[in-house]
Structure formats: structure tokens, C-alpha cells
Amino acid sequence: MKDWVRELASRRFPKGEYSQGGQDGILAEIFRHVPTANVPPFCAECGFNADSLDGGSGANVARLVLKEGWQALLLDGRHENASINLHREFLTSANIEGVFKRHGVPSEPDYVSIDLDTTDLWIFRSLLPHYRAAVYSVEYNSHFPLGAAITFPDDPAERWERDRGYGASLEALVLVAVENGYSLVAVEPWLDAFFVRNDLIDDGSGSIALPLEHYRDSTGLVKNVPLKRRRRASIFLDYRVWRDSGGDLKLARSAAAATCRQHLLAGWWLFKFRGMLLTVLRRVKSLAGRPPRNQPPPAVHPAPRSRRPPKSTA
């Protein structure tokens, strides 16, 4: 294993100038050692929640474009801005290859970032055979523990509801990466997993990267509120079971059910009670200044007329 790969796996980077967390630093370190294949270097970001490179929650590619002069393709379901090559595209596992082809992405881009909050694993899986990027990063769902290979379903109709129900576990993403010749080299806790193509880091020693166990402390981390609708715990799949069963959705959902109930619903009743309590408090506050119903408004009495002193008769 290369020394820098071993060291990177244990490093923690401060929040970057542009990125949401330490992604700026992770990418800078990776590309100190991994050569780029394109001139200028090319990157793509799938899921871009702003209209500018320095807006939103923090783009992984912003520093590469603004500081290093990289060329970028930016894709999002809501935002667009032709001046920064940001296009509005609703991405699915079925159309992602065609979208990349239509926008002229080279077959070996230097870096691809995926952060869709939903079908991230399936987009990743669809791109890997056709777009052999040097580096991929994919948002992972930190709520799942190591050992759980759970993923959001490959269903464009399902959306993130701003709770714990998003993306895929770290283990599930690693399974997909390994199947396609990539290794996990870094994790930004709560946020992203970084994968490098094996031929770029293989030193012939038989050990390319640290085992997944090394990243245990980056899993099982609570980030969001419990699922807002309990039934949504049943839509997730166990990716390993899905793969090994030849795509049996019923079996994969059943295998994921207990893990999802435990980690996506923990604290659900407390969350619901807190929501109801806040609703009641807001209602009480809004009624506090109102007069009671069916009670006439207070009478308004005219001010007493001032009396003039009697005229003097002297």
C-alpha cells in the first residue's frame, strides 16, 4: 500500500474554503499523488444546490474550478446557470450515461462527485462501467452502522423528505466500488466517501487500501431527524441481498427492514411529540393577544368634559 493512501485514511481536514466539510483538503491531497488525464482537468458534480460555485451548502468541485482552473459539468434537478455550465437535469440510473454523453463528459473524467440524497448508489453503479474517473466521491448515509449494506431504492418517484431516509450506507457503496475496481481511500464523516481507481494506487504489494473496518467510527452517526413517515422504513434495500439474489426486491427489502427500523426510526415518538408540542405552543402564542370568543369588546367611554370655573361677579 502506498504511504500516502495509508496516511490519508486517518487524516482529518478542516472545513474547506468552499466545501461543506473537509472535502477541499481531501481532494487536494489525492490529486497531489494521482495524475489527471485531461487538459484542463475535468470534473462533474451530480447534485448542486445553488446557482453559483460559491453558494449553497458547499460544492466539492468549487475549489478545483475557481482555484485550479478545472473544467466542470454541474448537474441538478432544480438549478441552472449556463455561465458556470450548470444544467437542470433530473438524474436517474437509466439516464445518467446519456446525460454525461450529451454534455461531452470524457470517458475518463478526473473527478466525479455524486450527492443526490436519494439514488446515489444506483447512479454510481450506472456510471462506473462507462466513465472510469480517477476519483469518485459519493455522499453516504452515516446513520447506518458498519456491516449494513443498505440503500435507497432505485425509484425516481421516491424523494428525500429531509430526514434520515437518504442515500446508501458506507458498506453498500464500498461493495459497488470493489465490484468495479475502485477502493475507498477517505471518508469525510457524516458526508462523503472517496474512491480511487485501483490501477492508480496499486503498488504491487497486494494491499491497495485499508480495510473497511478502519472507517467504523464514521458510521452509525446521527445527522438528521428520524423518518417523518414510519412506513418509509420499508422502501430501503439490502444491496448485498439484492445483488446476490439476482435483483429480488422483496427479499432485499425484507433483509433491510430491521436495520432500517432501528437506525432510521430511533427517537421517532420523541420527534413526533416534540413536533406536536411546538405546534401547541405556537397556537397558544398566537391566541394570547386575542379577546375571548363571544365577548364584546371593552366599552369605550368618552373622556369627561372639563368644567370652566364660574365667571367672577366682582
C-alpha atoms as a PDB file:
ATOM      1  CA  MET A   1       0.000   0.000   0.000  1.00  0.00           C
ATOM      2  CA  LYS A   2       1.257   3.444  -0.850  1.00  0.00           C
ATOM      3  CA  ASP A   3       2.234   5.509   2.193  1.00  0.00           C
ATOM      4  CA  TRP A   4       0.054   8.467   1.239  1.00  0.00           C
ATOM      5  CA  VAL A   5      -3.010   6.204   0.927  1.00  0.00           C
ATOM      6  CA  ARG A   6      -2.424   4.807   4.420  1.00  0.00           C
ATOM      7  CA  GLU A   7      -1.904   8.285   5.878  1.00  0.00           C
ATOM      8  CA  LEU A   8      -4.878   9.852   4.105  1.00  0.00           C
ATOM      9  CA  ALA A   9      -7.286   7.329   5.603  1.00  0.00           C
ATOM     10  CA  SER A  10      -6.558   8.620   9.113  1.00  0.00           C
ATOM     11  CA  ARG A  11      -6.287  12.342   8.414  1.00  0.00           C
ATOM     12  CA  ARG A  12      -8.971  14.875   9.300  1.00  0.00           C
ATOM     13  CA  PHE A  13      -9.134  18.072   7.289  1.00  0.00           C
ATOM     14  CA  PRO A  14     -10.620  21.377   8.424  1.00  0.00           C
ATOM     15  CA  LYS A  15     -13.637  22.811   6.657  1.00  0.00           C
ATOM     16  CA  GLY A  16     -12.565  23.951   3.239  1.00  0.00           C
ATOM     17  CA  GLU A  17     -12.870  27.385   1.723  1.00  0.00           C
ATOM     18  CA  TYR A  18     -15.708  26.145  -0.478  1.00  0.00           C
ATOM     19  CA  SER A  19     -16.663  22.609   0.587  1.00  0.00           C
ATOM     20  CA  GLN A  20     -19.237  21.689   3.220  1.00  0.00           C
ATOM     21  CA  GLY A  21     -16.603  19.888   5.276  1.00  0.00           C
ATOM     22  CA  GLY A  22     -13.018  18.813   4.681  1.00  0.00           C
ATOM     23  CA  GLN A  23     -13.587  17.718   1.078  1.00  0.00           C
ATOM     24  CA  ASP A  24     -11.394  20.513  -0.311  1.00  0.00           C
ATOM     25  CA  GLY A  25      -8.434  19.188   1.658  1.00  0.00           C
ATOM     26  CA  ILE A  26      -9.087  15.536   0.814  1.00  0.00           C
ATOM     27  CA  LEU A  27      -9.224  16.267  -2.912  1.00  0.00           C
ATOM     28  CA  ALA A  28      -6.104  18.440  -2.787  1.00  0.00           C
ATOM     29  CA  GLU A  29      -4.210  15.604  -1.104  1.00  0.00           C
ATOM     30  CA  ILE A  30      -5.466  12.946  -3.511  1.00  0.00           C
ATOM     31  CA  PHE A  31      -4.527  14.972  -6.587  1.00  0.00           C
ATOM     32  CA  ARG A  32      -1.061  15.632  -5.178  1.00  0.00           C
ATOM     33  CA  HIS A  33      -0.458  11.932  -5.902  1.00  0.00           C
ATOM     34  CA  VAL A  34      -2.984  10.911  -8.578  1.00  0.00           C
ATOM     35  CA  PRO A  35      -2.289  12.341 -12.057  1.00  0.00           C
ATOM     36  CA  THR A  36      -5.060  13.955 -14.089  1.00  0.00           C
ATOM     37  CA  ALA A  37      -5.843  12.617 -17.557  1.00  0.00           C
ATOM     38  CA  ASN A  38      -7.454  15.660 -19.193  1.00  0.00           C
ATOM     39  CA  VAL A  39      -6.191  19.104 -20.217  1.00  0.00           C
ATOM     40  CA  PRO A  40      -7.569  21.063 -18.484  1.00  0.00           C
ATOM     41  CA  PRO A  41      -8.560  18.545 -15.776  1.00  0.00           C
ATOM     42  CA  PHE A  42     -12.260  17.652 -15.918  1.00  0.00           C
ATOM     43  CA  CYS A  43     -14.744  17.165 -13.088  1.00  0.00           C
ATOM     44  CA  ALA A  44     -18.506  16.674 -12.786  1.00  0.00           C
ATOM     45  CA  GLU A  45     -20.845  17.244  -9.866  1.00  0.00           C
ATOM     46  CA  CYS A  46     -24.226  15.485  -9.713  1.00  0.00           C
ATOM     47  CA  GLY A  47     -26.412  17.366  -7.259  1.00  0.00           C
ATOM     48  CA  PHE A  48     -25.621  21.078  -6.996  1.00  0.00           C
ATOM     49  CA  ASN A  49     -27.849  23.047  -4.637  1.00  0.00           C
ATOM     50  CA  ALA A  50     -27.028  26.597  -5.744  1.00  0.00           C
ATOM     51  CA  ASP A  51     -26.844  28.849  -8.786  1.00  0.00           C
ATOM     52  CA  SER A  52     -23.188  29.766  -8.226  1.00  0.00           C
ATOM     53  CA  LEU A  53     -19.995  27.875  -7.445  1.00  0.00           C
ATOM     54  CA  ASP A  54     -19.567  29.537  -4.063  1.00  0.00           C
ATOM     55  CA  GLY A  55     -23.208  29.246  -2.962  1.00  0.00           C
ATOM     56  CA  GLY A  56     -25.383  26.570  -1.369  1.00  0.00           C
ATOM     57  CA  SER A  57     -24.071  24.136   1.224  1.00  0.00           C
ATOM     58  CA  GLY A  58     -20.664  23.888  -0.474  1.00  0.00           C
ATOM     59  CA  ALA A  59     -19.712  22.285  -3.792  1.00  0.00           C
ATOM     60  CA  ASN A  60     -16.971  19.670  -3.875  1.00  0.00           C
ATOM     61  CA  VAL A  61     -15.707  20.909  -7.246  1.00  0.00           C
ATOM     62  CA  ALA A  62     -15.712  24.655  -6.456  1.00  0.00           C
ATOM     63  CA  ARG A  63     -12.068  24.908  -5.376  1.00  0.00           C
ATOM     64  CA  LEU A  64     -10.911  22.820  -8.337  1.00  0.00           C
ATOM     65  CA  VAL A  65     -12.692  25.180 -10.750  1.00  0.00           C
ATOM     66  CA  LEU A  66     -12.089  28.535  -9.068  1.00  0.00           C
ATOM     67  CA  LYS A  67      -8.546  27.946  -7.789  1.00  0.00           C
ATOM     68  CA  GLU A  68      -7.099  25.233 -10.025  1.00  0.00           C
ATOM     69  CA  GLY A  69      -8.712  26.060 -13.382  1.00  0.00           C
ATOM     70  CA  TRP A  70     -10.539  22.772 -13.892  1.00  0.00           C
ATOM     71  CA  GLN A  71     -13.364  22.406 -16.387  1.00  0.00           C
ATOM     72  CA  ALA A  72     -16.646  21.291 -14.785  1.00  0.00           C
ATOM     73  CA  LEU A  73     -20.066  19.955 -15.664  1.00  0.00           C
ATOM     74  CA  LEU A  74     -22.645  20.691 -12.953  1.00  0.00           C
ATOM     75  CA  LEU A  75     -25.990  18.900 -12.862  1.00  0.00           C
ATOM     76  CA  ASP A  76     -29.011  19.473 -10.646  1.00  0.00           C
ATOM     77  CA  GLY A  77     -32.745  18.860 -10.721  1.00  0.00           C
ATOM     78  CA  ARG A  78     -33.651  22.456  -9.847  1.00  0.00           C
ATOM     79  CA  HIS A  79     -30.793  24.865 -10.537  1.00  0.00           C
ATOM     80  CA  GLU A  80     -29.242  26.023 -13.798  1.00  0.00           C
ATOM     81  CA  ASN A  81     -26.726  28.651 -14.823  1.00  0.00           C
ATOM     82  CA  ALA A  82     -25.147  28.447 -18.266  1.00  0.00           C
ATOM     83  CA  SER A  83     -22.283  30.741 -17.240  1.00  0.00           C
ATOM     84  CA  ILE A  84     -20.850  28.021 -14.956  1.00  0.00           C
ATOM     85  CA  ASN A  85     -22.025  25.067 -17.091  1.00  0.00           C
ATOM     86  CA  LEU A  86     -24.778  24.183 -14.590  1.00  0.00           C
ATOM     87  CA  HIS A  87     -27.663  22.335 -16.245  1.00  0.00           C
ATOM     88  CA  ARG A  88     -31.063  21.333 -14.939  1.00  0.00           C
ATOM     89  CA  GLU A  89     -31.320  17.563 -15.288  1.00  0.00           C
ATOM     90  CA  PHE A  90     -33.383  15.051 -13.319  1.00  0.00           C
ATOM     91  CA  LEU A  91     -30.869  12.239 -12.947  1.00  0.00           C
ATOM     92  CA  THR A  92     -31.709   8.538 -12.769  1.00  0.00           C
ATOM     93  CA  SER A  93     -29.720   5.346 -13.111  1.00  0.00           C
ATOM     94  CA  ALA A  94     -31.359   4.851 -16.506  1.00  0.00           C
ATOM     95  CA  ASN A  95     -30.451   8.254 -17.982  1.00  0.00           C
ATOM     96  CA  ILE A  96     -27.168   9.245 -16.332  1.00  0.00           C
ATOM     97  CA  GLU A  97     -24.954   7.699 -19.022  1.00  0.00           C
ATOM     98  CA  GLY A  98     -26.900   9.522 -21.738  1.00  0.00           C
ATOM     99  CA  VAL A  99     -26.759  12.823 -19.829  1.00  0.00           C
ATOM    100  CA  PHE A 100     -22.981  12.554 -19.474  1.00  0.00           C
ATOM    101  CA  LYS A 101     -22.645  11.692 -23.150  1.00  0.00           C
ATOM    102  CA  ARG A 102     -24.862  14.606 -24.226  1.00  0.00           C
ATOM    103  CA  HIS A 103     -22.784  17.067 -22.217  1.00  0.00           C
ATOM    104  CA  GLY A 104     -19.467  15.781 -23.542  1.00  0.00           C
ATOM    105  CA  VAL A 105     -18.016  14.161 -20.421  1.00  0.00           C
ATOM    106  CA  PRO A 106     -14.781  12.322 -21.325  1.00  0.00           C
ATOM    107  CA  SER A 107     -14.700   8.584 -20.731  1.00  0.00           C
ATOM    108  CA  GLU A 108     -12.007   9.120 -18.071  1.00  0.00           C
ATOM    109  CA  PRO A 109     -13.022  12.253 -16.162  1.00  0.00           C
ATOM    110  CA  ASP A 110     -10.627  13.179 -13.402  1.00  0.00           C
ATOM    111  CA  TYR A 111     -13.238  13.523 -10.668  1.00  0.00           C
ATOM    112  CA  VAL A 112     -16.970  12.896 -10.276  1.00  0.00           C
ATOM    113  CA  SER A 113     -18.989  13.918  -7.214  1.00  0.00           C
ATOM    114  CA  ILE A 114     -22.403  12.371  -6.504  1.00  0.00           C
ATOM    115  CA  ASP A 115     -24.726  13.850  -3.893  1.00  0.00           C
ATOM    116  CA  LEU A 116     -28.395  13.400  -4.775  1.00  0.00           C
ATOM    117  CA  ASP A 117     -29.817  12.418  -1.362  1.00  0.00           C
ATOM    118  CA  THR A 118     -31.694   9.516  -2.989  1.00  0.00           C
ATOM    119  CA  THR A 119     -30.434   7.118  -5.672  1.00  0.00           C
ATOM    120  CA  ASP A 120     -26.731   7.907  -5.193  1.00  0.00           C
ATOM    121  CA  LEU A 121     -25.658   4.247  -5.157  1.00  0.00           C
ATOM    122  CA  TRP A 122     -27.559   3.454  -8.357  1.00  0.00           C
ATOM    123  CA  ILE A 123     -26.147   6.478 -10.199  1.00  0.00           C
ATOM    124  CA  PHE A 124     -22.659   5.459  -9.019  1.00  0.00           C
ATOM    125  CA  ARG A 125     -23.238   1.892 -10.159  1.00  0.00           C
ATOM    126  CA  SER A 126     -24.502   3.004 -13.591  1.00  0.00           C
ATOM    127  CA  LEU A 127     -21.560   5.333 -14.236  1.00  0.00           C
ATOM    128  CA  LEU A 128     -18.678   3.085 -13.191  1.00  0.00           C
ATOM    129  CA  PRO A 129     -18.581   0.743 -16.217  1.00  0.00           C
ATOM    130  CA  HIS A 130     -18.693   3.624 -18.710  1.00  0.00           C
ATOM    131  CA  TYR A 131     -16.954   6.565 -17.009  1.00  0.00           C
ATOM    132  CA  ARG A 132     -13.704   5.466 -15.400  1.00  0.00           C
ATOM    133  CA  ALA A 133     -12.965   8.568 -13.370  1.00  0.00           C
ATOM    134  CA  ALA A 134      -9.717   8.674 -11.428  1.00  0.00           C
ATOM    135  CA  VAL A 135     -11.687   9.668  -8.325  1.00  0.00           C
ATOM    136  CA  TYR A 136     -15.322   9.420  -7.294  1.00  0.00           C
ATOM    137  CA  SER A 137     -16.928  10.779  -4.170  1.00  0.00           C
ATOM    138  CA  VAL A 138     -20.416   9.727  -3.090  1.00  0.00           C
ATOM    139  CA  GLU A 139     -22.445  11.011  -0.186  1.00  0.00           C
ATOM    140  CA  TYR A 140     -23.094   8.191   2.294  1.00  0.00           C
ATOM    141  CA  ASN A 141     -25.801   7.750   4.913  1.00  0.00           C
ATOM    142  CA  SER A 142     -23.917   7.953   8.198  1.00  0.00           C
ATOM    143  CA  HIS A 143     -26.833   6.612  10.284  1.00  0.00           C
ATOM    144  CA  PHE A 144     -26.212   3.018   9.228  1.00  0.00           C
ATOM    145  CA  PRO A 145     -23.561   1.028  11.121  1.00  0.00           C
ATOM    146  CA  LEU A 146     -20.681  -0.847   9.585  1.00  0.00           C
ATOM    147  CA  GLY A 147     -21.947  -4.213   8.376  1.00  0.00           C
ATOM    148  CA  ALA A 148     -25.219  -2.825   6.993  1.00  0.00           C
ATOM    149  CA  ALA A 149     -25.283  -2.654   3.184  1.00  0.00           C
ATOM    150  CA  ILE A 150     -28.460  -0.592   2.906  1.00  0.00           C
ATOM    151  CA  THR A 151     -29.515   1.675   0.055  1.00  0.00           C
ATOM    152  CA  PHE A 152     -32.355   3.911  -1.078  1.00  0.00           C
ATOM    153  CA  PRO A 153     -34.396   2.145  -3.789  1.00  0.00           C
ATOM    154  CA  ASP A 154     -33.681   2.698  -7.462  1.00  0.00           C
ATOM    155  CA  ASP A 155     -37.007   4.509  -7.838  1.00  0.00           C
ATOM    156  CA  PRO A 156     -37.101   8.102  -9.198  1.00  0.00           C
ATOM    157  CA  ALA A 157     -40.595   8.546  -7.721  1.00  0.00           C
ATOM    158  CA  GLU A 158     -39.217   8.366  -4.185  1.00  0.00           C
ATOM    159  CA  ARG A 159     -37.797  11.606  -2.820  1.00  0.00           C
ATOM    160  CA  TRP A 160     -35.779  12.664   0.202  1.00  0.00           C
ATOM    161  CA  GLU A 161     -38.003  14.142   2.922  1.00  0.00           C
ATOM    162  CA  ARG A 162     -35.204  15.941   4.802  1.00  0.00           C
ATOM    163  CA  ASP A 163     -34.815  13.184   7.372  1.00  0.00           C
ATOM    164  CA  ARG A 164     -32.641  10.081   7.795  1.00  0.00           C
ATOM    165  CA  GLY A 165     -34.028   8.393   4.705  1.00  0.00           C
ATOM    166  CA  TYR A 166     -31.438   9.141   2.021  1.00  0.00           C
ATOM    167  CA  GLY A 167     -28.624   7.599   0.001  1.00  0.00           C
ATOM    168  CA  ALA A 168     -26.733   4.456   0.899  1.00  0.00           C
ATOM    169  CA  SER A 169     -24.623   3.123   3.733  1.00  0.00           C
ATOM    170  CA  LEU A 170     -20.850   3.217   3.507  1.00  0.00           C
ATOM    171  CA  GLU A 171     -20.692  -0.571   3.232  1.00  0.00           C
ATOM    172  CA  ALA A 172     -23.124  -0.666   0.313  1.00  0.00           C
ATOM    173  CA  LEU A 173     -21.111   1.939  -1.604  1.00  0.00           C
ATOM    174  CA  VAL A 174     -17.880   0.041  -0.964  1.00  0.00           C
ATOM    175  CA  LEU A 175     -19.446  -3.143  -2.369  1.00  0.00           C
ATOM    176  CA  VAL A 176     -20.298  -1.306  -5.599  1.00  0.00           C
ATOM    177  CA  ALA A 177     -16.841   0.276  -5.788  1.00  0.00           C
ATOM    178  CA  VAL A 178     -15.000  -3.024  -5.280  1.00  0.00           C
ATOM    179  CA  GLU A 179     -17.146  -4.703  -7.944  1.00  0.00           C
ATOM    180  CA  ASN A 180     -15.875  -2.097 -10.399  1.00  0.00           C
ATOM    181  CA  GLY A 181     -12.194  -1.829  -9.500  1.00  0.00           C
ATOM    182  CA  TYR A 182     -12.196   1.090  -7.038  1.00  0.00           C
ATOM    183  CA  SER A 183     -11.018   1.373  -3.433  1.00  0.00           C
ATOM    184  CA  LEU A 184     -12.156   3.533  -0.535  1.00  0.00           C
ATOM    185  CA  VAL A 185      -9.328   5.899   0.445  1.00  0.00           C
ATOM    186  CA  ALA A 186     -11.011   8.561   2.618  1.00  0.00           C
ATOM    187  CA  VAL A 187     -14.237   9.445   4.395  1.00  0.00           C
ATOM    188  CA  GLU A 188     -15.452  12.871   5.420  1.00  0.00           C
ATOM    189  CA  PRO A 189     -17.625  11.876   8.421  1.00  0.00           C
ATOM    190  CA  TRP A 190     -21.369  12.450   8.006  1.00  0.00           C
ATOM    191  CA  LEU A 191     -20.820  13.496   4.381  1.00  0.00           C
ATOM    192  CA  ASP A 192     -18.777  11.802   1.630  1.00  0.00           C
ATOM    193  CA  ALA A 193     -16.813   8.672   0.792  1.00  0.00           C
ATOM    194  CA  PHE A 194     -13.885   8.967  -1.655  1.00  0.00           C
ATOM    195  CA  PHE A 195     -12.883   6.203  -4.059  1.00  0.00           C
ATOM    196  CA  VAL A 196      -9.811   5.973  -6.310  1.00  0.00           C
ATOM    197  CA  ARG A 197      -9.428   3.683  -9.319  1.00  0.00           C
ATOM    198  CA  ASN A 198      -7.247   0.749  -8.330  1.00  0.00           C
ATOM    199  CA  ASP A 199      -4.733   0.950 -11.171  1.00  0.00           C
ATOM    200  CA  LEU A 200      -3.773   4.451  -9.996  1.00  0.00           C
ATOM    201  CA  ILE A 201      -2.804   3.373  -6.476  1.00  0.00           C
ATOM    202  CA  ASP A 202      -1.790  -0.285  -6.810  1.00  0.00           C
ATOM    203  CA  ASP A 203       1.863  -0.601  -5.789  1.00  0.00           C
ATOM    204  CA  GLY A 204       2.019  -4.360  -6.378  1.00  0.00           C
ATOM    205  CA  SER A 205       2.182  -5.194  -2.677  1.00  0.00           C
ATOM    206  CA  GLY A 206      -1.173  -6.977  -2.714  1.00  0.00           C
ATOM    207  CA  SER A 207      -2.710  -4.384  -0.402  1.00  0.00           C
ATOM    208  CA  ILE A 208      -4.232  -1.346  -2.097  1.00  0.00           C
ATOM    209  CA  ALA A 209      -6.153   0.378   0.708  1.00  0.00           C
ATOM    210  CA  LEU A 210      -7.084  -0.046   4.356  1.00  0.00           C
ATOM    211  CA  PRO A 211      -9.962  -2.405   5.174  1.00  0.00           C
ATOM    212  CA  LEU A 212     -13.454  -1.030   5.704  1.00  0.00           C
ATOM    213  CA  GLU A 213     -13.155  -1.712   9.447  1.00  0.00           C
ATOM    214  CA  HIS A 214     -10.817   1.277   9.639  1.00  0.00           C
ATOM    215  CA  TYR A 215     -13.806   3.578   8.996  1.00  0.00           C
ATOM    216  CA  ARG A 216     -16.083   2.171  11.693  1.00  0.00           C
ATOM    217  CA  ASP A 217     -16.056   5.465  13.617  1.00  0.00           C
ATOM    218  CA  SER A 218     -17.513   7.227  10.566  1.00  0.00           C
ATOM    219  CA  THR A 219     -20.637   5.056  10.634  1.00  0.00           C
ATOM    220  CA  GLY A 220     -23.606   4.945  12.989  1.00  0.00           C
ATOM    221  CA  LEU A 221     -23.526   8.750  13.319  1.00  0.00           C
ATOM    222  CA  VAL A 222     -26.796  10.612  13.803  1.00  0.00           C
ATOM    223  CA  LYS A 223     -27.153  13.566  11.454  1.00  0.00           C
ATOM    224  CA  ASN A 224     -30.856  14.074  10.707  1.00  0.00           C
ATOM    225  CA  VAL A 225     -34.256  13.677  12.338  1.00  0.00           C
ATOM    226  CA  PRO A 226     -35.970  10.248  12.228  1.00  0.00           C
ATOM    227  CA  LEU A 227     -38.083   9.350   9.221  1.00  0.00           C
ATOM    228  CA  LYS A 228     -41.080  11.659   9.166  1.00  0.00           C
ATOM    229  CA  ARG A 229     -43.277   8.814   7.906  1.00  0.00           C
ATOM    230  CA  ARG A 230     -42.674   5.450   9.542  1.00  0.00           C
ATOM    231  CA  ARG A 231     -43.763   3.404   6.538  1.00  0.00           C
ATOM    232  CA  ARG A 232     -40.799   4.694   4.537  1.00  0.00           C
ATOM    233  CA  ALA A 233     -38.510   2.422   6.535  1.00  0.00           C
ATOM    234  CA  SER A 234     -39.821  -0.389   4.316  1.00  0.00           C
ATOM    235  CA  ILE A 235     -38.684   1.081   0.983  1.00  0.00           C
ATOM    236  CA  PHE A 236     -34.936   0.556   1.581  1.00  0.00           C
ATOM    237  CA  LEU A 237     -32.992  -2.431   0.245  1.00  0.00           C
ATOM    238  CA  ASP A 238     -30.137  -4.577   1.434  1.00  0.00           C
ATOM    239  CA  TYR A 239     -27.808  -4.142  -1.545  1.00  0.00           C
ATOM    240  CA  ARG A 240     -25.836  -7.319  -0.868  1.00  0.00           C
ATOM    241  CA  VAL A 241     -29.020  -9.406  -0.784  1.00  0.00           C
ATOM    242  CA  TRP A 242     -30.357  -7.645  -3.882  1.00  0.00           C
ATOM    243  CA  ARG A 243     -27.136  -8.382  -5.768  1.00  0.00           C
ATOM    244  CA  ASP A 244     -26.733 -11.970  -4.634  1.00  0.00           C
ATOM    245  CA  SER A 245     -30.401 -12.816  -5.245  1.00  0.00           C
ATOM    246  CA  GLY A 246     -30.359 -11.539  -8.806  1.00  0.00           C
ATOM    247  CA  GLY A 247     -32.384  -8.421  -8.008  1.00  0.00           C
ATOM    248  CA  ASP A 248     -35.127  -9.838  -5.759  1.00  0.00           C
ATOM    249  CA  LEU A 249     -36.689  -6.626  -4.387  1.00  0.00           C
ATOM    250  CA  LYS A 250     -38.996  -8.341  -1.914  1.00  0.00           C
ATOM    251  CA  LEU A 251     -36.142 -10.318  -0.394  1.00  0.00           C
ATOM    252  CA  ALA A 252     -33.845  -7.271  -0.303  1.00  0.00           C
ATOM    253  CA  ARG A 253     -36.494  -5.113   1.431  1.00  0.00           C
ATOM    254  CA  SER A 254     -37.172  -7.819   3.966  1.00  0.00           C
ATOM    255  CA  ALA A 255     -33.456  -8.158   4.741  1.00  0.00           C
ATOM    256  CA  ALA A 256     -33.132  -4.388   5.281  1.00  0.00           C
ATOM    257  CA  ALA A 257     -36.275  -3.920   7.390  1.00  0.00           C
ATOM    258  CA  ALA A 258     -34.937  -4.496  10.910  1.00  0.00           C
ATOM    259  CA  THR A 259     -31.821  -2.362  10.374  1.00  0.00           C
ATOM    260  CA  CYS A 260     -33.879   0.484   8.934  1.00  0.00           C
ATOM    261  CA  ARG A 261     -36.362   0.427  11.794  1.00  0.00           C
ATOM    262  CA  GLN A 262     -33.523   0.516  14.297  1.00  0.00           C
ATOM    263  CA  HIS A 263     -31.447   3.290  12.730  1.00  0.00           C
ATOM    264  CA  LEU A 264     -33.908   5.396  10.735  1.00  0.00           C
ATOM    265  CA  LEU A 265     -36.744   5.435  13.265  1.00  0.00           C
ATOM    266  CA  ALA A 266     -34.861   5.692  16.580  1.00  0.00           C
ATOM    267  CA  GLY A 267     -36.405   8.539  18.568  1.00  0.00           C
ATOM    268  CA  TRP A 268     -39.447   8.757  16.270  1.00  0.00           C
ATOM    269  CA  TRP A 269     -42.023   9.105  19.074  1.00  0.00           C
ATOM    270  CA  LEU A 270     -39.947  11.774  20.790  1.00  0.00           C
ATOM    271  CA  PHE A 271     -39.605  13.609  17.487  1.00  0.00           C
ATOM    272  CA  LYS A 272     -43.363  13.460  16.910  1.00  0.00           C
ATOM    273  CA  PHE A 273     -44.132  14.580  20.484  1.00  0.00           C
ATOM    274  CA  ARG A 274     -41.736  17.497  20.127  1.00  0.00           C
ATOM    275  CA  GLY A 275     -43.442  18.495  16.883  1.00  0.00           C
ATOM    276  CA  MET A 276     -46.899  18.385  18.465  1.00  0.00           C
ATOM    277  CA  LEU A 277     -45.667  20.354  21.475  1.00  0.00           C
ATOM    278  CA  LEU A 278     -44.198  23.064  19.259  1.00  0.00           C
ATOM    279  CA  THR A 279     -47.463  23.257  17.317  1.00  0.00           C
ATOM    280  CA  VAL A 280     -49.432  23.704  20.550  1.00  0.00           C
ATOM    281  CA  LEU A 281     -47.028  26.369  21.824  1.00  0.00           C
ATOM    282  CA  ARG A 282     -47.257  28.301  18.554  1.00  0.00           C
ATOM    283  CA  ARG A 283     -51.057  28.099  18.730  1.00  0.00           C
ATOM    284  CA  VAL A 284     -51.122  29.324  22.333  1.00  0.00           C
ATOM    285  CA  LYS A 285     -48.810  32.184  21.434  1.00  0.00           C
ATOM    286  CA  SER A 286     -50.980  33.225  18.504  1.00  0.00           C
ATOM    287  CA  LEU A 287     -54.095  33.243  20.711  1.00  0.00           C
ATOM    288  CA  ALA A 288     -52.509  35.017  23.648  1.00  0.00           C
ATOM    289  CA  GLY A 289     -53.323  38.514  22.429  1.00  0.00           C
ATOM    290  CA  ARG A 290     -56.829  37.811  21.162  1.00  0.00           C
ATOM    291  CA  PRO A 291     -60.001  38.589  23.187  1.00  0.00           C
ATOM    292  CA  PRO A 292     -62.074  35.532  24.183  1.00  0.00           C
ATOM    293  CA  ARG A 293     -64.755  34.471  21.695  1.00  0.00           C
ATOM    294  CA  ASN A 294     -68.340  35.810  22.165  1.00  0.00           C
ATOM    295  CA  GLN A 295     -67.133  38.544  24.472  1.00  0.00           C
ATOM    296  CA  PRO A 296     -67.933  42.078  23.357  1.00  0.00           C
ATOM    297  CA  PRO A 297     -65.016  44.427  23.104  1.00  0.00           C
ATOM    298  CA  PRO A 298     -64.498  46.652  26.122  1.00  0.00           C
ATOM    299  CA  ALA A 299     -66.712  49.723  26.184  1.00  0.00           C
ATOM    300  CA  VAL A 300     -65.115  52.989  25.239  1.00  0.00           C
ATOM    301  CA  HIS A 301     -66.266  55.850  27.483  1.00  0.00           C
ATOM    302  CA  PRO A 302     -65.869  59.416  26.327  1.00  0.00           C
ATOM    303  CA  ALA A 303     -63.458  61.493  28.312  1.00  0.00           C
ATOM    304  CA  PRO A 304     -65.207  63.775  30.847  1.00  0.00           C
ATOM    305  CA  ARG A 305     -65.742  67.330  29.658  1.00  0.00           C
ATOM    306  CA  SER A 306     -63.710  69.859  31.539  1.00  0.00           C
ATOM    307  CA  ARG A 307     -65.744  72.386  33.533  1.00  0.00           C
ATOM    308  CA  ARG A 308     -64.891  76.053  33.298  1.00  0.00           C
ATOM    309  CA  PRO A 309     -64.606  77.959  36.561  1.00  0.00           C
ATOM    310  CA  PRO A 310     -67.597  80.295  37.168  1.00  0.00           C
ATOM    311  CA  LYS A 311     -67.255  83.875  35.953  1.00  0.00           C
ATOM    312  CA  SER A 312     -66.337  86.407  38.609  1.00  0.00           C
ATOM    313  CA  THR A 313     -69.199  88.825  39.557  1.00  0.00           C
ATOM    314  CA  ALA A 314     -66.898  91.339  41.160  1.00  0.00           C
END
